Amino acid sequence: MASMLGTGARMSFGTDWPVSILHPMEGIGVAVTRTVDDGPTEAWLSEECLTTPQALRIYTAGASYQAGAEGHRGVVAPGSIADLVWLAENPFRIAPKDLASVRVQGTWLAGGRTY
């Protein structure tokens, strides 16, 4: 993944594939650590690990771009639609191995609370 990102390729992560992890924070954790709970503890192809900011951007703004909503969804900015996720912990301040366990406190879709 890091090699693709390094070429300037646009990337998006999501959860609609039957073999993907359904919890986005788990997917972000895998992208950053290149490990899974029931696998080896060393990163698989560690040179392909992403940083937490890169993985979050790909999961949010990258998915927005893929859906044709770039600039309106996937970012927190004036004029954006306000799809938000409130996390129990700051993903930028915890160890990458702990990303998968970050709980969602709430979600908003188009500015309205959904969870």
PDB file of N, CA and C in Angstrom:
ATOM      1  N   MET A   1       0.810  -1.191   0.000  1.00  0.00           N
ATOM      2  CA  MET A   1       0.000   0.000   0.000  1.00  0.00           C
ATOM      3  C   MET A   1       0.852   1.253   0.000  1.00  0.00           C
ATOM      4  N   ALA A   2       1.918   1.252   0.791  1.00  0.00           N
ATOM      5  CA  ALA A   2       2.784   2.437   0.833  1.00  0.00           C
ATOM      6  C   ALA A   2       3.419   2.690  -0.534  1.00  0.00           C
ATOM      7  N   SER A   3       3.770   1.621  -1.241  1.00  0.00           N
ATOM      8  CA  SER A   3       4.356   1.789  -2.580  1.00  0.00           C
ATOM      9  C   SER A   3       3.368   2.448  -3.525  1.00  0.00           C
ATOM     10  N   MET A   4       2.117   2.011  -3.485  1.00  0.00           N
ATOM     11  CA  MET A   4       1.098   2.620  -4.350  1.00  0.00           C
ATOM     12  C   MET A   4       0.891   4.076  -3.988  1.00  0.00           C
ATOM     13  N   LEU A   5       0.776   4.355  -2.706  1.00  0.00           N
ATOM     14  CA  LEU A   5       0.571   5.729  -2.261  1.00  0.00           C
ATOM     15  C   LEU A   5       1.750   6.606  -2.684  1.00  0.00           C
ATOM     16  N   GLY A   6       2.950   6.045  -2.633  1.00  0.00           N
ATOM     17  CA  GLY A   6       4.148   6.769  -3.031  1.00  0.00           C
ATOM     18  C   GLY A   6       4.182   7.169  -4.493  1.00  0.00           C
ATOM     19  N   THR A   7       3.408   6.493  -5.337  1.00  0.00           N
ATOM     20  CA  THR A   7       3.359   6.848  -6.751  1.00  0.00           C
ATOM     21  C   THR A   7       2.378   7.985  -7.023  1.00  0.00           C
ATOM     22  N   GLY A   8       1.609   8.348  -5.992  1.00  0.00           N
ATOM     23  CA  GLY A   8       0.577   9.364  -6.167  1.00  0.00           C
ATOM     24  C   GLY A   8      -0.779   8.777  -6.499  1.00  0.00           C
ATOM     25  N   ALA A   9      -0.891   7.449  -6.466  1.00  0.00           N
ATOM     26  CA  ALA A   9      -2.171   6.796  -6.765  1.00  0.00           C
ATOM     27  C   ALA A   9      -3.232   7.214  -5.752  1.00  0.00           C
ATOM     28  N   ARG A  10      -4.459   7.380  -6.228  1.00  0.00           N
ATOM     29  CA  ARG A  10      -5.587   7.651  -5.331  1.00  0.00           C
ATOM     30  C   ARG A  10      -6.029   6.320  -4.761  1.00  0.00           C
ATOM     31  N   MET A  11      -6.232   6.257  -3.458  1.00  0.00           N
ATOM     32  CA  MET A  11      -6.609   5.016  -2.796  1.00  0.00           C
ATOM     33  C   MET A  11      -7.828   5.250  -1.918  1.00  0.00           C
ATOM     34  N   SER A  12      -8.610   4.195  -1.742  1.00  0.00           N
ATOM     35  CA  SER A  12      -9.725   4.253  -0.795  1.00  0.00           C
ATOM     36  C   SER A  12      -9.831   2.914  -0.094  1.00  0.00           C
ATOM     37  N   PHE A  13     -10.233   2.957   1.147  1.00  0.00           N
ATOM     38  CA  PHE A  13     -10.513   1.754   1.926  1.00  0.00           C
ATOM     39  C   PHE A  13     -11.999   1.745   2.225  1.00  0.00           C
ATOM     40  N   GLY A  14     -12.553   0.567   2.388  1.00  0.00           N
ATOM     41  CA  GLY A  14     -13.959   0.442   2.725  1.00  0.00           C
ATOM     42  C   GLY A  14     -14.255  -0.918   3.319  1.00  0.00           C
ATOM     43  N   THR A  15     -15.526  -1.153   3.547  1.00  0.00           N
ATOM     44  CA  THR A  15     -15.914  -2.370   4.251  1.00  0.00           C
ATOM     45  C   THR A  15     -17.013  -3.143   3.534  1.00  0.00           C
ATOM     46  N   ASP A  16     -17.150  -2.998   2.235  1.00  0.00           N
ATOM     47  CA  ASP A  16     -18.247  -3.669   1.546  1.00  0.00           C
ATOM     48  C   ASP A  16     -17.830  -4.970   0.855  1.00  0.00           C
ATOM     49  N   TRP A  17     -16.646  -5.442   1.060  1.00  0.00           N
ATOM     50  CA  TRP A  17     -16.162  -6.670   0.455  1.00  0.00           C
ATOM     51  C   TRP A  17     -16.267  -7.793   1.479  1.00  0.00           C
ATOM     52  N   PRO A  18     -16.741  -8.976   1.106  1.00  0.00           N
ATOM     53  CA  PRO A  18     -16.973 -10.044   2.085  1.00  0.00           C
ATOM     54  C   PRO A  18     -15.743 -10.485   2.875  1.00  0.00           C
ATOM     55  N   VAL A  19     -14.560 -10.237   2.384  1.00  0.00           N
ATOM     56  CA  VAL A  19     -13.369 -10.669   3.118  1.00  0.00           C
ATOM     57  C   VAL A  19     -12.724  -9.529   3.904  1.00  0.00           C
ATOM     58  N   SER A  20     -13.293  -8.336   3.848  1.00  0.00           N
ATOM     59  CA  SER A  20     -12.736  -7.197   4.572  1.00  0.00           C
ATOM     60  C   SER A  20     -13.220  -7.189   6.008  1.00  0.00           C
ATOM     61  N   ILE A  21     -12.449  -6.538   6.838  1.00  0.00           N
ATOM     62  CA  ILE A  21     -12.835  -6.316   8.229  1.00  0.00           C
ATOM     63  C   ILE A  21     -13.950  -5.276   8.228  1.00  0.00           C
ATOM     64  N   LEU A  22     -15.028  -5.530   8.942  1.00  0.00           N
ATOM     65  CA  LEU A  22     -16.174  -4.622   8.929  1.00  0.00           C
ATOM     66  C   LEU A  22     -15.973  -3.378   9.789  1.00  0.00           C
ATOM     67  N   HIS A  23     -15.188  -3.459  10.832  1.00  0.00           N
ATOM     68  CA  HIS A  23     -14.958  -2.322  11.718  1.00  0.00           C
ATOM     69  C   HIS A  23     -13.838  -1.456  11.123  1.00  0.00           C
ATOM     70  N   PRO A  24     -14.138  -0.220  10.735  1.00  0.00           N
ATOM     71  CA  PRO A  24     -13.117   0.607  10.093  1.00  0.00           C
ATOM     72  C   PRO A  24     -11.839   0.779  10.914  1.00  0.00           C
ATOM     73  N   MET A  25     -11.939   0.891  12.232  1.00  0.00           N
ATOM     74  CA  MET A  25     -10.728   1.068  13.030  1.00  0.00           C
ATOM     75  C   MET A  25      -9.847  -0.177  12.974  1.00  0.00           C
ATOM     76  N   GLU A  26     -10.438  -1.345  12.841  1.00  0.00           N
ATOM     77  CA  GLU A  26      -9.634  -2.554  12.658  1.00  0.00           C
ATOM     78  C   GLU A  26      -8.917  -2.510  11.308  1.00  0.00           C
ATOM     79  N   GLY A  27      -9.612  -2.070  10.278  1.00  0.00           N
ATOM     80  CA  GLY A  27      -8.995  -1.939   8.957  1.00  0.00           C
ATOM     81  C   GLY A  27      -7.858  -0.925   8.965  1.00  0.00           C
ATOM     82  N   ILE A  28      -8.047   0.178   9.674  1.00  0.00           N
ATOM     83  CA  ILE A  28      -6.998   1.181   9.797  1.00  0.00           C
ATOM     84  C   ILE A  28      -5.814   0.590  10.549  1.00  0.00           C
ATOM     85  N   GLY A  29      -6.087  -0.158  11.607  1.00  0.00           N
ATOM     86  CA  GLY A  29      -5.020  -0.816  12.362  1.00  0.00           C
ATOM     87  C   GLY A  29      -4.215  -1.775  11.503  1.00  0.00           C
ATOM     88  N   VAL A  30      -4.888  -2.539  10.662  1.00  0.00           N
ATOM     89  CA  VAL A  30      -4.194  -3.475   9.766  1.00  0.00           C
ATOM     90  C   VAL A  30      -3.342  -2.709   8.759  1.00  0.00           C
ATOM     91  N   ALA A  31      -3.857  -1.615   8.222  1.00  0.00           N
ATOM     92  CA  ALA A  31      -3.093  -0.832   7.245  1.00  0.00           C
ATOM     93  C   ALA A  31      -1.829  -0.238   7.866  1.00  0.00           C
ATOM     94  N   VAL A  32      -1.898   0.120   9.139  1.00  0.00           N
ATOM     95  CA  VAL A  32      -0.767   0.750   9.815  1.00  0.00           C
ATOM     96  C   VAL A  32       0.236  -0.284  10.328  1.00  0.00           C
ATOM     97  N   THR A  33      -0.260  -1.399  10.855  1.00  0.00           N
ATOM     98  CA  THR A  33       0.650  -2.388  11.443  1.00  0.00           C
ATOM     99  C   THR A  33       0.980  -3.546  10.516  1.00  0.00           C
ATOM    100  N   ARG A  34       0.135  -3.779   9.499  1.00  0.00           N
ATOM    101  CA  ARG A  34       0.267  -4.923   8.577  1.00  0.00           C
ATOM    102  C   ARG A  34       0.281  -6.243   9.357  1.00  0.00           C
ATOM    103  N   THR A  35      -0.517  -6.304  10.420  1.00  0.00           N
ATOM    104  CA  THR A  35      -0.700  -7.529  11.199  1.00  0.00           C
ATOM    105  C   THR A  35      -2.188  -7.691  11.477  1.00  0.00           C
ATOM    106  N   VAL A  36      -2.586  -8.902  11.859  1.00  0.00           N
ATOM    107  CA  VAL A  36      -3.954  -9.180  12.293  1.00  0.00           C
ATOM    108  C   VAL A  36      -3.886  -9.918  13.623  1.00  0.00           C
ATOM    109  N   ASP A  37      -4.976  -9.875  14.368  1.00  0.00           N
ATOM    110  CA  ASP A  37      -5.000 -10.472  15.708  1.00  0.00           C
ATOM    111  C   ASP A  37      -4.585 -11.936  15.734  1.00  0.00           C
ATOM    112  N   ASP A  38      -5.028 -12.708  14.770  1.00  0.00           N
ATOM    113  CA  ASP A  38      -4.758 -14.146  14.807  1.00  0.00           C
ATOM    114  C   ASP A  38      -3.582 -14.553  13.918  1.00  0.00           C
ATOM    115  N   GLY A  39      -2.705 -13.603  13.620  1.00  0.00           N
ATOM    116  CA  GLY A  39      -1.565 -13.897  12.751  1.00  0.00           C
ATOM    117  C   GLY A  39      -0.242 -13.589  13.420  1.00  0.00           C
ATOM    118  N   PRO A  40       0.821 -13.588  12.639  1.00  0.00           N
ATOM    119  CA  PRO A  40       2.150 -13.269  13.174  1.00  0.00           C
ATOM    120  C   PRO A  40       2.180 -11.867  13.778  1.00  0.00           C
ATOM    121  N   THR A  41       3.084 -11.654  14.719  1.00  0.00           N
ATOM    122  CA  THR A  41       3.175 -10.343  15.368  1.00  0.00           C
ATOM    123  C   THR A  41       4.040  -9.361  14.588  1.00  0.00           C
ATOM    124  N   GLU A  42       4.866  -9.866  13.682  1.00  0.00           N
ATOM    125  CA  GLU A  42       5.675  -8.978  12.848  1.00  0.00           C
ATOM    126  C   GLU A  42       4.874  -8.532  11.629  1.00  0.00           C
ATOM    127  N   ALA A  43       5.111  -7.310  11.199  1.00  0.00           N
ATOM    128  CA  ALA A  43       4.406  -6.770  10.041  1.00  0.00           C
ATOM    129  C   ALA A  43       4.749  -7.557   8.779  1.00  0.00           C
ATOM    130  N   TRP A  44       3.717  -7.867   8.007  1.00  0.00           N
ATOM    131  CA  TRP A  44       3.913  -8.506   6.711  1.00  0.00           C
ATOM    132  C   TRP A  44       4.320  -7.414   5.732  1.00  0.00           C
ATOM    133  N   LEU A  45       5.490  -7.561   5.119  1.00  0.00           N
ATOM    134  CA  LEU A  45       6.038  -6.541   4.225  1.00  0.00           C
ATOM    135  C   LEU A  45       5.995  -5.169   4.908  1.00  0.00           C
ATOM    136  N   SER A  46       6.753  -5.037   5.974  1.00  0.00           N
ATOM    137  CA  SER A  46       6.707  -3.840   6.813  1.00  0.00           C
ATOM    138  C   SER A  46       6.935  -2.537   6.040  1.00  0.00           C
ATOM    139  N   GLU A  47       7.649  -2.624   4.926  1.00  0.00           N
ATOM    140  CA  GLU A  47       7.874  -1.409   4.134  1.00  0.00           C
ATOM    141  C   GLU A  47       6.575  -0.876   3.520  1.00  0.00           C
ATOM    142  N   GLU A  48       5.523  -1.686   3.555  1.00  0.00           N
ATOM    143  CA  GLU A  48       4.234  -1.271   3.006  1.00  0.00           C
ATOM    144  C   GLU A  48       3.289  -0.704   4.067  1.00  0.00           C
ATOM    145  N   CYS A  49       3.745  -0.614   5.327  1.00  0.00           N
ATOM    146  CA  CYS A  49       2.920  -0.034   6.393  1.00  0.00           C
ATOM    147  C   CYS A  49       2.624   1.428   6.070  1.00  0.00           C
ATOM    148  N   LEU A  50       1.422   1.847   6.373  1.00  0.00           N
ATOM    149  CA  LEU A  50       1.046   3.249   6.241  1.00  0.00           C
ATOM    150  C   LEU A  50       1.146   3.919   7.600  1.00  0.00           C
ATOM    151  N   THR A  51       1.177   5.222   7.615  1.00  0.00           N
ATOM    152  CA  THR A  51       1.090   5.961   8.871  1.00  0.00           C
ATOM    153  C   THR A  51      -0.391   6.073   9.244  1.00  0.00           C
ATOM    154  N   THR A  52      -0.655   6.378  10.494  1.00  0.00           N
ATOM    155  CA  THR A  52      -2.049   6.567  10.923  1.00  0.00           C
ATOM    156  C   THR A  52      -2.716   7.687  10.128  1.00  0.00           C
ATOM    157  N   PRO A  53      -2.086   8.848   9.939  1.00  0.00           N
ATOM    158  CA  PRO A  53      -2.745   9.888   9.127  1.00  0.00           C
ATOM    159  C   PRO A  53      -3.039   9.425   7.698  1.00  0.00           C
ATOM    160  N   GLN A  54      -2.122   8.691   7.095  1.00  0.00           N
ATOM    161  CA  GLN A  54      -2.364   8.196   5.734  1.00  0.00           C
ATOM    162  C   GLN A  54      -3.560   7.261   5.704  1.00  0.00           C
ATOM    163  N   ALA A  55      -3.606   6.303   6.621  1.00  0.00           N
ATOM    164  CA  ALA A  55      -4.703   5.325   6.639  1.00  0.00           C
ATOM    165  C   ALA A  55      -6.044   5.997   6.897  1.00  0.00           C
ATOM    166  N   LEU A  56      -6.086   6.944   7.814  1.00  0.00           N
ATOM    167  CA  LEU A  56      -7.339   7.658   8.083  1.00  0.00           C
ATOM    168  C   LEU A  56      -7.787   8.466   6.871  1.00  0.00           C
ATOM    169  N   ARG A  57      -6.838   9.117   6.200  1.00  0.00           N
ATOM    170  CA  ARG A  57      -7.175   9.909   5.007  1.00  0.00           C
ATOM    171  C   ARG A  57      -7.729   9.006   3.900  1.00  0.00           C
ATOM    172  N   ILE A  58      -7.121   7.834   3.723  1.00  0.00           N
ATOM    173  CA  ILE A  58      -7.590   6.912   2.683  1.00  0.00           C
ATOM    174  C   ILE A  58      -8.984   6.391   3.023  1.00  0.00           C
ATOM    175  N   TYR A  59      -9.250   6.130   4.302  1.00  0.00           N
ATOM    176  CA  TYR A  59     -10.568   5.634   4.720  1.00  0.00           C
ATOM    177  C   TYR A  59     -11.645   6.704   4.616  1.00  0.00           C
ATOM    178  N   THR A  60     -11.268   7.971   4.705  1.00  0.00           N
ATOM    179  CA  THR A  60     -12.254   9.051   4.711  1.00  0.00           C
ATOM    180  C   THR A  60     -12.270   9.800   3.375  1.00  0.00           C
ATOM    181  N   ALA A  61     -11.284  10.654   3.156  1.00  0.00           N
ATOM    182  CA  ALA A  61     -11.241  11.445   1.922  1.00  0.00           C
ATOM    183  C   ALA A  61     -11.059  10.556   0.694  1.00  0.00           C
ATOM    184  N   GLY A  62     -10.317   9.463   0.828  1.00  0.00           N
ATOM    185  CA  GLY A  62     -10.128   8.546  -0.304  1.00  0.00           C
ATOM    186  C   GLY A  62     -11.425   7.887  -0.719  1.00  0.00           C
ATOM    187  N   ALA A  63     -12.199   7.444   0.269  1.00  0.00           N
ATOM    188  CA  ALA A  63     -13.499   6.830  -0.036  1.00  0.00           C
ATOM    189  C   ALA A  63     -14.467   7.868  -0.605  1.00  0.00           C
ATOM    190  N   SER A  64     -14.383   9.098  -0.110  1.00  0.00           N
ATOM    191  CA  SER A  64     -15.221  10.169  -0.632  1.00  0.00           C
ATOM    192  C   SER A  64     -14.912  10.425  -2.108  1.00  0.00           C
ATOM    193  N   TYR A  65     -13.641  10.448  -2.447  1.00  0.00           N
ATOM    194  CA  TYR A  65     -13.231  10.638  -3.840  1.00  0.00           C
ATOM    195  C   TYR A  65     -13.779   9.507  -4.719  1.00  0.00           C
ATOM    196  N   GLN A  66     -13.632   8.281  -4.246  1.00  0.00           N
ATOM    197  CA  GLN A  66     -14.118   7.128  -5.025  1.00  0.00           C
ATOM    198  C   GLN A  66     -15.625   7.209  -5.245  1.00  0.00           C
ATOM    199  N   ALA A  67     -16.349   7.711  -4.267  1.00  0.00           N
ATOM    200  CA  ALA A  67     -17.806   7.808  -4.367  1.00  0.00           C
ATOM    201  C   ALA A  67     -18.263   9.034  -5.165  1.00  0.00           C
ATOM    202  N   GLY A  68     -17.320   9.844  -5.624  1.00  0.00           N
ATOM    203  CA  GLY A  68     -17.680  11.021  -6.400  1.00  0.00           C
ATOM    204  C   GLY A  68     -18.129  12.198  -5.554  1.00  0.00           C
ATOM    205  N   ALA A  69     -17.811  12.183  -4.271  1.00  0.00           N
ATOM    206  CA  ALA A  69     -18.253  13.247  -3.370  1.00  0.00           C
ATOM    207  C   ALA A  69     -17.074  14.030  -2.795  1.00  0.00           C
ATOM    208  N   GLU A  70     -15.942  14.021  -3.481  1.00  0.00           N
ATOM    209  CA  GLU A  70     -14.743  14.693  -2.981  1.00  0.00           C
ATOM    210  C   GLU A  70     -15.042  16.156  -2.683  1.00  0.00           C
ATOM    211  N   GLY A  71     -14.564  16.602  -1.543  1.00  0.00           N
ATOM    212  CA  GLY A  71     -14.759  17.991  -1.136  1.00  0.00           C
ATOM    213  C   GLY A  71     -16.042  18.218  -0.367  1.00  0.00           C
ATOM    214  N   HIS A  72     -16.939  17.245  -0.374  1.00  0.00           N
ATOM    215  CA  HIS A  72     -18.201  17.384   0.353  1.00  0.00           C
ATOM    216  C   HIS A  72     -18.310  16.373   1.486  1.00  0.00           C
ATOM    217  N   ARG A  73     -17.683  15.227   1.335  1.00  0.00           N
ATOM    218  CA  ARG A  73     -17.693  14.185   2.360  1.00  0.00           C
ATOM    219  C   ARG A  73     -16.253  13.724   2.566  1.00  0.00           C
ATOM    220  N   GLY A  74     -15.992  13.164   3.735  1.00  0.00           N
ATOM    221  CA  GLY A  74     -14.667  12.624   4.010  1.00  0.00           C
ATOM    222  C   GLY A  74     -13.681  13.636   4.549  1.00  0.00           C
ATOM    223  N   VAL A  75     -14.120  14.871   4.753  1.00  0.00           N
ATOM    224  CA  VAL A  75     -13.268  15.916   5.314  1.00  0.00           C
ATOM    225  C   VAL A  75     -14.095  16.744   6.299  1.00  0.00           C
ATOM    226  N   VAL A  76     -13.426  17.350   7.244  1.00  0.00           N
ATOM    227  CA  VAL A  76     -14.078  18.300   8.149  1.00  0.00           C
ATOM    228  C   VAL A  76     -13.626  19.678   7.689  1.00  0.00           C
ATOM    229  N   ALA A  77     -14.535  20.382   7.035  1.00  0.00           N
ATOM    230  CA  ALA A  77     -14.213  21.692   6.477  1.00  0.00           C
ATOM    231  C   ALA A  77     -15.504  22.456   6.222  1.00  0.00           C
ATOM    232  N   PRO A  78     -15.432  23.793   6.199  1.00  0.00           N
ATOM    233  CA  PRO A  78     -16.628  24.568   5.877  1.00  0.00           C
ATOM    234  C   PRO A  78     -17.220  24.101   4.544  1.00  0.00           C
ATOM    235  N   GLY A  79     -18.530  23.900   4.520  1.00  0.00           N
ATOM    236  CA  GLY A  79     -19.221  23.475   3.314  1.00  0.00           C
ATOM    237  C   GLY A  79     -19.304  21.974   3.143  1.00  0.00           C
ATOM    238  N   SER A  80     -18.613  21.217   3.986  1.00  0.00           N
ATOM    239  CA  SER A  80     -18.704  19.756   3.881  1.00  0.00           C
ATOM    240  C   SER A  80     -20.015  19.297   4.503  1.00  0.00           C
ATOM    241  N   ILE A  81     -20.393  18.064   4.236  1.00  0.00           N
ATOM    242  CA  ILE A  81     -21.713  17.564   4.614  1.00  0.00           C
ATOM    243  C   ILE A  81     -21.803  17.141   6.080  1.00  0.00           C
ATOM    244  N   ALA A  82     -20.719  17.015   6.767  1.00  0.00           N
ATOM    245  CA  ALA A  82     -20.682  16.707   8.197  1.00  0.00           C
ATOM    246  C   ALA A  82     -21.050  15.268   8.506  1.00  0.00           C
ATOM    247  N   ASP A  83     -20.421  14.336   7.816  1.00  0.00           N
ATOM    248  CA  ASP A  83     -20.437  12.936   8.230  1.00  0.00           C
ATOM    249  C   ASP A  83     -19.279  12.807   9.209  1.00  0.00           C
ATOM    250  N   LEU A  84     -19.572  12.481  10.443  1.00  0.00           N
ATOM    251  CA  LEU A  84     -18.543  12.466  11.475  1.00  0.00           C
ATOM    252  C   LEU A  84     -18.594  11.186  12.293  1.00  0.00           C
ATOM    253  N   VAL A  85     -17.447  10.819  12.838  1.00  0.00           N
ATOM    254  CA  VAL A  85     -17.344   9.706  13.783  1.00  0.00           C
ATOM    255  C   VAL A  85     -16.621  10.228  15.006  1.00  0.00           C
ATOM    256  N   TRP A  86     -17.197  10.017  16.175  1.00  0.00           N
ATOM    257  CA  TRP A  86     -16.590  10.407  17.441  1.00  0.00           C
ATOM    258  C   TRP A  86     -15.942   9.170  18.023  1.00  0.00           C
ATOM    259  N   LEU A  87     -14.630   9.185  18.162  1.00  0.00           N
ATOM    260  CA  LEU A  87     -13.883   8.046  18.673  1.00  0.00           C
ATOM    261  C   LEU A  87     -13.579   8.223  20.154  1.00  0.00           C
ATOM    262  N   ALA A  88     -13.502   7.116  20.881  1.00  0.00           N
ATOM    263  CA  ALA A  88     -13.223   7.139  22.312  1.00  0.00           C
ATOM    264  C   ALA A  88     -11.797   7.584  22.620  1.00  0.00           C
ATOM    265  N   GLU A  89     -10.894   7.431  21.660  1.00  0.00           N
ATOM    266  CA  GLU A  89      -9.498   7.828  21.855  1.00  0.00           C
ATOM    267  C   GLU A  89      -9.003   8.556  20.609  1.00  0.00           C
ATOM    268  N   ASN A  90      -7.987   9.370  20.797  1.00  0.00           N
ATOM    269  CA  ASN A  90      -7.368  10.075  19.690  1.00  0.00           C
ATOM    270  C   ASN A  90      -6.443   9.101  18.956  1.00  0.00           C
ATOM    271  N   PRO A  91      -6.753   8.716  17.723  1.00  0.00           N
ATOM    272  CA  PRO A  91      -5.941   7.727  17.018  1.00  0.00           C
ATOM    273  C   PRO A  91      -4.516   8.196  16.727  1.00  0.00           C
ATOM    274  N   PHE A  92      -4.279   9.495  16.808  1.00  0.00           N
ATOM    275  CA  PHE A  92      -2.938  10.025  16.561  1.00  0.00           C
ATOM    276  C   PHE A  92      -2.048   9.959  17.801  1.00  0.00           C
ATOM    277  N   ARG A  93      -2.640   9.627  18.942  1.00  0.00           N
ATOM    278  CA  ARG A  93      -1.883   9.630  20.196  1.00  0.00           C
ATOM    279  C   ARG A  93      -1.777   8.254  20.849  1.00  0.00           C
ATOM    280  N   ILE A  94      -2.145   7.218  20.143  1.00  0.00           N
ATOM    281  CA  ILE A  94      -2.045   5.873  20.713  1.00  0.00           C
ATOM    282  C   ILE A  94      -1.114   5.030  19.849  1.00  0.00           C
ATOM    283  N   ALA A  95      -0.683   3.927  20.415  1.00  0.00           N
ATOM    284  CA  ALA A  95       0.198   3.018  19.676  1.00  0.00           C
ATOM    285  C   ALA A  95      -0.560   2.406  18.503  1.00  0.00           C
ATOM    286  N   PRO A  96       0.078   2.242  17.361  1.00  0.00           N
ATOM    287  CA  PRO A  96      -0.591   1.643  16.205  1.00  0.00           C
ATOM    288  C   PRO A  96      -1.262   0.301  16.513  1.00  0.00           C
ATOM    289  N   LYS A  97      -0.666  -0.506  17.392  1.00  0.00           N
ATOM    290  CA  LYS A  97      -1.247  -1.809  17.720  1.00  0.00           C
ATOM    291  C   LYS A  97      -2.590  -1.671  18.444  1.00  0.00           C
ATOM    292  N   ASP A  98      -2.881  -0.479  18.981  1.00  0.00           N
ATOM    293  CA  ASP A  98      -4.129  -0.256  19.705  1.00  0.00           C
ATOM    294  C   ASP A  98      -5.230   0.353  18.845  1.00  0.00           C
ATOM    295  N   LEU A  99      -4.947   0.686  17.596  1.00  0.00           N
ATOM    296  CA  LEU A  99      -5.946   1.320  16.733  1.00  0.00           C
ATOM    297  C   LEU A  99      -7.202   0.476  16.581  1.00  0.00           C
ATOM    298  N   ALA A 100      -7.031  -0.817  16.405  1.00  0.00           N
ATOM    299  CA  ALA A 100      -8.175  -1.694  16.154  1.00  0.00           C
ATOM    300  C   ALA A 100      -9.177  -1.710  17.301  1.00  0.00           C
ATOM    301  N   SER A 101      -8.728  -1.391  18.499  1.00  0.00           N
ATOM    302  CA  SER A 101      -9.626  -1.473  19.657  1.00  0.00           C
ATOM    303  C   SER A 101     -10.297  -0.148  20.013  1.00  0.00           C
ATOM    304  N   VAL A 102     -10.047   0.891  19.237  1.00  0.00           N
ATOM    305  CA  VAL A 102     -10.681   2.186  19.522  1.00  0.00           C
ATOM    306  C   VAL A 102     -12.180   2.067  19.266  1.00  0.00           C
ATOM    307  N   ARG A 103     -12.965   2.429  20.273  1.00  0.00           N
ATOM    308  CA  ARG A 103     -14.422   2.328  20.169  1.00  0.00           C
ATOM    309  C   ARG A 103     -15.030   3.599  19.565  1.00  0.00           C
ATOM    310  N   VAL A 104     -16.116   3.402  18.861  1.00  0.00           N
ATOM    311  CA  VAL A 104     -16.878   4.523  18.302  1.00  0.00           C
ATOM    312  C   VAL A 104     -17.879   4.979  19.357  1.00  0.00           C
ATOM    313  N   GLN A 105     -17.861   6.257  19.678  1.00  0.00           N
ATOM    314  CA  GLN A 105     -18.774   6.837  20.664  1.00  0.00           C
ATOM    315  C   GLN A 105     -20.063   7.353  20.013  1.00  0.00           C
ATOM    316  N   GLY A 106     -19.964   7.730  18.743  1.00  0.00           N
ATOM    317  CA  GLY A 106     -21.131   8.259  18.054  1.00  0.00           C
ATOM    318  C   GLY A 106     -20.824   8.503  16.589  1.00  0.00           C
ATOM    319  N   THR A 107     -21.881   8.564  15.779  1.00  0.00           N
ATOM    320  CA  THR A 107     -21.726   8.863  14.357  1.00  0.00           C
ATOM    321  C   THR A 107     -22.796   9.858  13.924  1.00  0.00           C
ATOM    322  N   TRP A 108     -22.450  10.655  12.926  1.00  0.00           N
ATOM    323  CA  TRP A 108     -23.372  11.623  12.349  1.00  0.00           C
ATOM    324  C   TRP A 108     -23.331  11.487  10.839  1.00  0.00           C
ATOM    325  N   LEU A 109     -24.477  11.515  10.216  1.00  0.00           N
ATOM    326  CA  LEU A 109     -24.583  11.455   8.758  1.00  0.00           C
ATOM    327  C   LEU A 109     -25.296  12.716   8.307  1.00  0.00           C
ATOM    328  N   ALA A 110     -24.627  13.497   7.457  1.00  0.00           N
ATOM    329  CA  ALA A 110     -25.170  14.763   6.968  1.00  0.00           C
ATOM    330  C   ALA A 110     -25.599  15.668   8.123  1.00  0.00           C
ATOM    331  N   GLY A 111     -24.839  15.623   9.208  1.00  0.00           N
ATOM    332  CA  GLY A 111     -25.086  16.491  10.359  1.00  0.00           C
ATOM    333  C   GLY A 111     -26.074  15.945  11.365  1.00  0.00           C
ATOM    334  N   GLY A 112     -26.739  14.826  11.079  1.00  0.00           N
ATOM    335  CA  GLY A 112     -27.700  14.245  12.018  1.00  0.00           C
ATOM    336  C   GLY A 112     -27.122  13.027  12.714  1.00  0.00           C
ATOM    337  N   ARG A 113     -27.294  12.967  14.021  1.00  0.00           N
ATOM    338  CA  ARG A 113     -26.745  11.839  14.787  1.00  0.00           C
ATOM    339  C   ARG A 113     -27.468  10.541  14.425  1.00  0.00           C
ATOM    340  N   THR A 114     -26.665   9.504  14.111  1.00  0.00           N
ATOM    341  CA  THR A 114     -27.233   8.213  13.747  1.00  0.00           C
ATOM    342  C   THR A 114     -26.923   7.127  14.768  1.00  0.00           C
ATOM    343  N   TYR A 115     -25.909   7.347  15.612  1.00  0.00           N
ATOM    344  CA  TYR A 115     -25.552   6.365  16.635  1.00  0.00           C
ATOM    345  C   TYR A 115     -24.926   7.073  17.810  1.00  0.00           C
TER     346      TYR A 115
END
